[in-house]
Amino acid sequence: MGTSDSKEKIIYLMNQYKNLVFSVCLKMTGDYFTAEDITQETFISAYSHLEDFDGRDEKAWICRIASNKCIDYLRSAKMREVASTDESIEASIEAGRDGPLETYIAKDVEKRFVDSCNELDEPYRTAAVGHFIRGKTAKEISLEKGIPLKTMQSHIYRAREMLKKKIRKEELLT
C-alpha cells in the first residue's frame, strides 16, 4: 500500500469510525479528554500498522486498537498512582464492558459534558458544541459560521481549557 493509499484509507477509517472509537474510549476511561487523546492515538497507531492489517473486519480491528490503547492507559504508571491496588485497575478495565451500570455511567458522563458545553458563553459554546459534541473540524465550523479558521481554532482551544477547569472543579465537588 503506497503512502497516498494509506492516507486515503486512514481518512476513510477516521470518517467512518471516529465516533465509535471515541465512545469506546469514553466508556473505558470515563474521561472525555483522555478519550479524545486516545482516539487520536488509535488512528495514529492504525495508520502506522496499515501494512499489517489483513483487510478483514476493519471495525473490529480499529476497536481492538482503541481498547488496547485504553487498557495501556489504565495500566500506566499515572493510573497506578491513583489506584491503590491492581484490583482497582482491573475494575476500571472491567467497567469498559457493556453492563447496565456502565452504560448508565457513560451516558451520564456524556450528558454532563454536553451540559457543560452548552453552559459556556459565546463564542466558546458554538466552538465546543460544534467540535466536541458534533465532531466537526475547526475548518468545517469556521466555514459554517463565516469565522476565520485561526479564530475558530483559538475558540476551540479556549473552550477546551474552560471545560477542563469546569469538569475538574465539578469532580472535586462530588
Protein backbone atom coordinates (compact mmCIF):
# COMPACT_ATOMS: atom_id res chain seq x y z
CA MET A 1 0.00 0.00 0.00
CA GLY A 2 1.50 3.32 -1.07
CA THR A 3 1.65 6.46 1.07
CA SER A 4 -1.24 8.08 -0.81
CA ASP A 5 -3.33 4.88 -0.48
CA SER A 6 -2.51 4.76 3.24
CA LYS A 7 -3.58 8.38 3.70
CA GLU A 8 -6.85 7.77 1.86
CA LYS A 9 -7.52 4.63 3.90
CA ILE A 10 -6.85 6.31 7.25
CA ILE A 11 -9.06 9.28 6.28
CA TYR A 12 -11.80 6.82 5.36
CA LEU A 13 -11.38 4.95 8.68
CA MET A 14 -11.45 8.20 10.66
CA ASN A 15 -14.60 9.42 8.92
CA GLN A 16 -16.25 6.03 9.31
CA TYR A 17 -15.29 5.15 12.90
CA LYS A 18 -14.18 8.27 14.84
CA ASN A 19 -17.45 8.47 16.83
CA LEU A 20 -17.43 4.74 17.59
CA VAL A 21 -13.78 4.80 18.66
CA PHE A 22 -14.40 7.86 20.83
CA SER A 23 -17.40 6.23 22.55
CA VAL A 24 -15.35 3.07 23.23
CA CYS A 25 -12.57 5.20 24.73
CA LEU A 26 -15.01 7.31 26.77
CA LYS A 27 -16.72 4.23 28.13
CA MET A 28 -13.43 2.57 29.08
CA THR A 29 -11.71 5.62 30.60
CA GLY A 30 -14.69 7.61 31.88
CA ASP A 31 -12.89 10.86 30.98
CA TYR A 32 -13.79 12.94 27.93
CA PHE A 33 -10.36 14.49 27.36
CA THR A 34 -8.50 11.22 27.85
CA ALA A 35 -10.91 9.56 25.42
CA GLU A 36 -10.26 12.33 22.91
CA ASP A 37 -6.48 11.83 23.20
CA ILE A 38 -6.70 8.04 22.96
CA THR A 39 -8.98 8.34 19.92
CA GLN A 40 -6.23 10.32 18.18
CA GLU A 41 -3.61 7.79 19.29
CA THR A 42 -5.80 4.98 17.93
CA PHE A 43 -5.83 6.43 14.42
CA ILE A 44 -2.12 7.24 14.53
CA SER A 45 -1.45 3.62 15.50
CA ALA A 46 -3.84 2.34 12.82
CA TYR A 47 -2.03 4.44 10.22
CA SER A 48 1.37 3.08 11.23
CA HIS A 49 0.05 -0.52 11.18
CA LEU A 50 -1.98 -0.41 7.96
CA GLU A 51 0.60 -2.65 6.28
CA ASP A 52 -0.10 -5.38 8.86
CA PHE A 53 -3.90 -5.17 8.52
CA ASP A 54 -5.38 -8.09 6.59
CA GLY A 55 -8.31 -6.01 5.36
CA ARG A 56 -10.98 -8.05 7.11
CA ASP A 57 -13.41 -6.53 9.63
CA GLU A 58 -11.90 -3.06 9.88
CA LYS A 59 -14.47 -2.07 12.52
CA ALA A 60 -13.29 -4.82 14.89
CA TRP A 61 -9.65 -4.04 14.08
CA ILE A 62 -9.93 -0.32 14.86
CA CYS A 63 -11.97 -1.01 18.04
CA ARG A 64 -9.36 -3.53 19.20
CA ILE A 65 -6.62 -0.90 18.77
CA ALA A 66 -8.73 1.58 20.76
CA SER A 67 -9.41 -0.96 23.52
CA ASN A 68 -5.75 -1.86 23.78
CA LYS A 69 -4.78 1.82 23.96
CA CYS A 70 -7.33 2.34 26.77
CA ILE A 71 -6.06 -0.70 28.68
CA ASP A 72 -2.49 0.58 28.31
CA TYR A 73 -3.63 3.94 29.67
CA LEU A 74 -5.47 2.37 32.60
CA ARG A 75 -2.43 0.29 33.47
CA SER A 76 0.02 3.16 33.12
CA ALA A 77 2.11 4.48 35.99
CA LYS A 78 -0.13 7.54 36.19
CA MET A 79 -3.14 5.38 36.96
CA ARG A 80 -1.13 3.27 39.42
CA GLU A 81 -0.52 6.42 41.47
CA VAL A 82 -4.27 6.94 41.71
CA ALA A 83 -5.20 3.28 42.15
CA SER A 84 -4.03 1.65 45.35
CA THR A 85 -4.12 -1.93 44.06
CA ASP A 86 -4.08 -3.87 40.81
CA GLU A 87 -7.70 -4.85 41.56
CA SER A 88 -8.67 -1.19 41.13
CA ILE A 89 -7.06 -1.16 37.71
CA GLU A 90 -8.80 -4.38 36.76
CA ALA A 91 -12.09 -2.91 37.99
CA SER A 92 -11.52 0.11 35.73
CA ILE A 93 -10.90 -2.19 32.79
CA GLU A 94 -13.98 -4.26 33.65
CA ALA A 95 -16.03 -1.04 33.70
CA GLY A 96 -15.42 -0.83 29.95
CA ARG A 97 -17.68 -3.82 29.38
CA ASP A 98 -21.30 -3.31 28.34
CA GLY A 99 -23.26 -3.74 31.55
CA PRO A 100 -26.31 -1.68 32.54
CA LEU A 101 -24.40 0.28 35.19
CA GLU A 102 -21.52 1.06 32.84
CA THR A 103 -23.92 2.14 30.09
CA TYR A 104 -25.71 4.42 32.55
CA ILE A 105 -22.41 5.90 33.78
CA ALA A 106 -21.17 6.51 30.22
CA LYS A 107 -24.46 8.24 29.31
CA ASP A 108 -24.32 10.32 32.50
CA VAL A 109 -20.72 11.41 31.78
CA GLU A 110 -21.71 12.29 28.23
CA LYS A 111 -24.81 14.24 29.37
CA ARG A 112 -22.80 16.21 31.93
CA PHE A 113 -20.22 17.02 29.26
CA VAL A 114 -22.89 18.18 26.79
CA ASP A 115 -24.44 20.34 29.55
CA SER A 116 -21.00 21.82 30.33
CA CYS A 117 -20.50 22.71 26.66
CA ASN A 118 -23.93 24.35 26.47
CA GLU A 119 -23.22 26.40 29.61
CA LEU A 120 -20.18 28.12 28.07
CA ASP A 121 -20.55 31.73 26.96
CA GLU A 122 -20.39 32.55 23.27
CA PRO A 123 -18.31 32.23 21.13
CA TYR A 124 -16.95 29.24 23.04
CA ARG A 125 -20.33 27.47 23.24
CA THR A 126 -20.56 27.32 19.44
CA ALA A 127 -16.97 26.08 19.20
CA ALA A 128 -17.42 23.43 21.91
CA VAL A 129 -20.76 22.12 20.66
CA GLY A 130 -19.58 22.02 17.06
CA HIS A 131 -16.22 20.42 17.73
CA PHE A 132 -16.61 18.23 20.82
CA ILE A 133 -20.25 17.19 20.50
CA ARG A 134 -20.93 17.21 16.77
CA GLY A 135 -17.38 16.11 15.86
CA LYS A 136 -16.79 18.85 13.28
CA THR A 137 -13.34 20.15 12.45
CA ALA A 138 -12.35 23.76 13.10
CA LYS A 139 -12.39 24.29 9.33
CA GLU A 140 -15.94 22.96 8.99
CA ILE A 141 -17.23 25.18 11.81
CA SER A 142 -15.39 28.25 10.51
CA LEU A 143 -16.91 27.79 7.04
CA GLU A 144 -20.36 27.14 8.52
CA LYS A 145 -20.25 30.23 10.77
CA GLY A 146 -18.24 32.50 8.44
CA ILE A 147 -15.46 32.91 11.02
CA PRO A 148 -11.74 32.85 10.12
CA LEU A 149 -10.14 29.43 10.69
CA LYS A 150 -7.47 30.73 13.13
CA THR A 151 -10.19 32.39 15.22
CA MET A 152 -12.20 29.16 15.36
CA GLN A 153 -9.10 27.17 16.31
CA SER A 154 -8.50 29.65 19.11
CA HIS A 155 -12.13 29.38 20.29
CA ILE A 156 -11.90 25.57 20.34
CA TYR A 157 -8.64 25.68 22.29
CA ARG A 158 -10.05 28.13 24.84
CA ALA A 159 -13.30 26.16 25.13
CA ARG A 160 -11.26 23.00 25.82
CA GLU A 161 -9.33 24.78 28.60
CA MET A 162 -12.55 26.15 30.13
CA LEU A 163 -14.16 22.72 30.03
CA LYS A 164 -11.12 21.08 31.64
CA LYS A 165 -11.25 23.57 34.52
CA LYS A 166 -15.03 23.27 34.89
CA ILE A 167 -15.03 19.46 34.86
CA ARG A 168 -12.09 19.19 37.26
CA LYS A 169 -13.83 21.64 39.63
CA GLU A 170 -17.05 19.57 39.46
CA GLU A 171 -15.11 16.37 40.14
CA LEU A 172 -13.63 17.95 43.28
CA LEU A 173 -17.11 18.90 44.48
CA THR A 174 -18.64 15.44 44.02
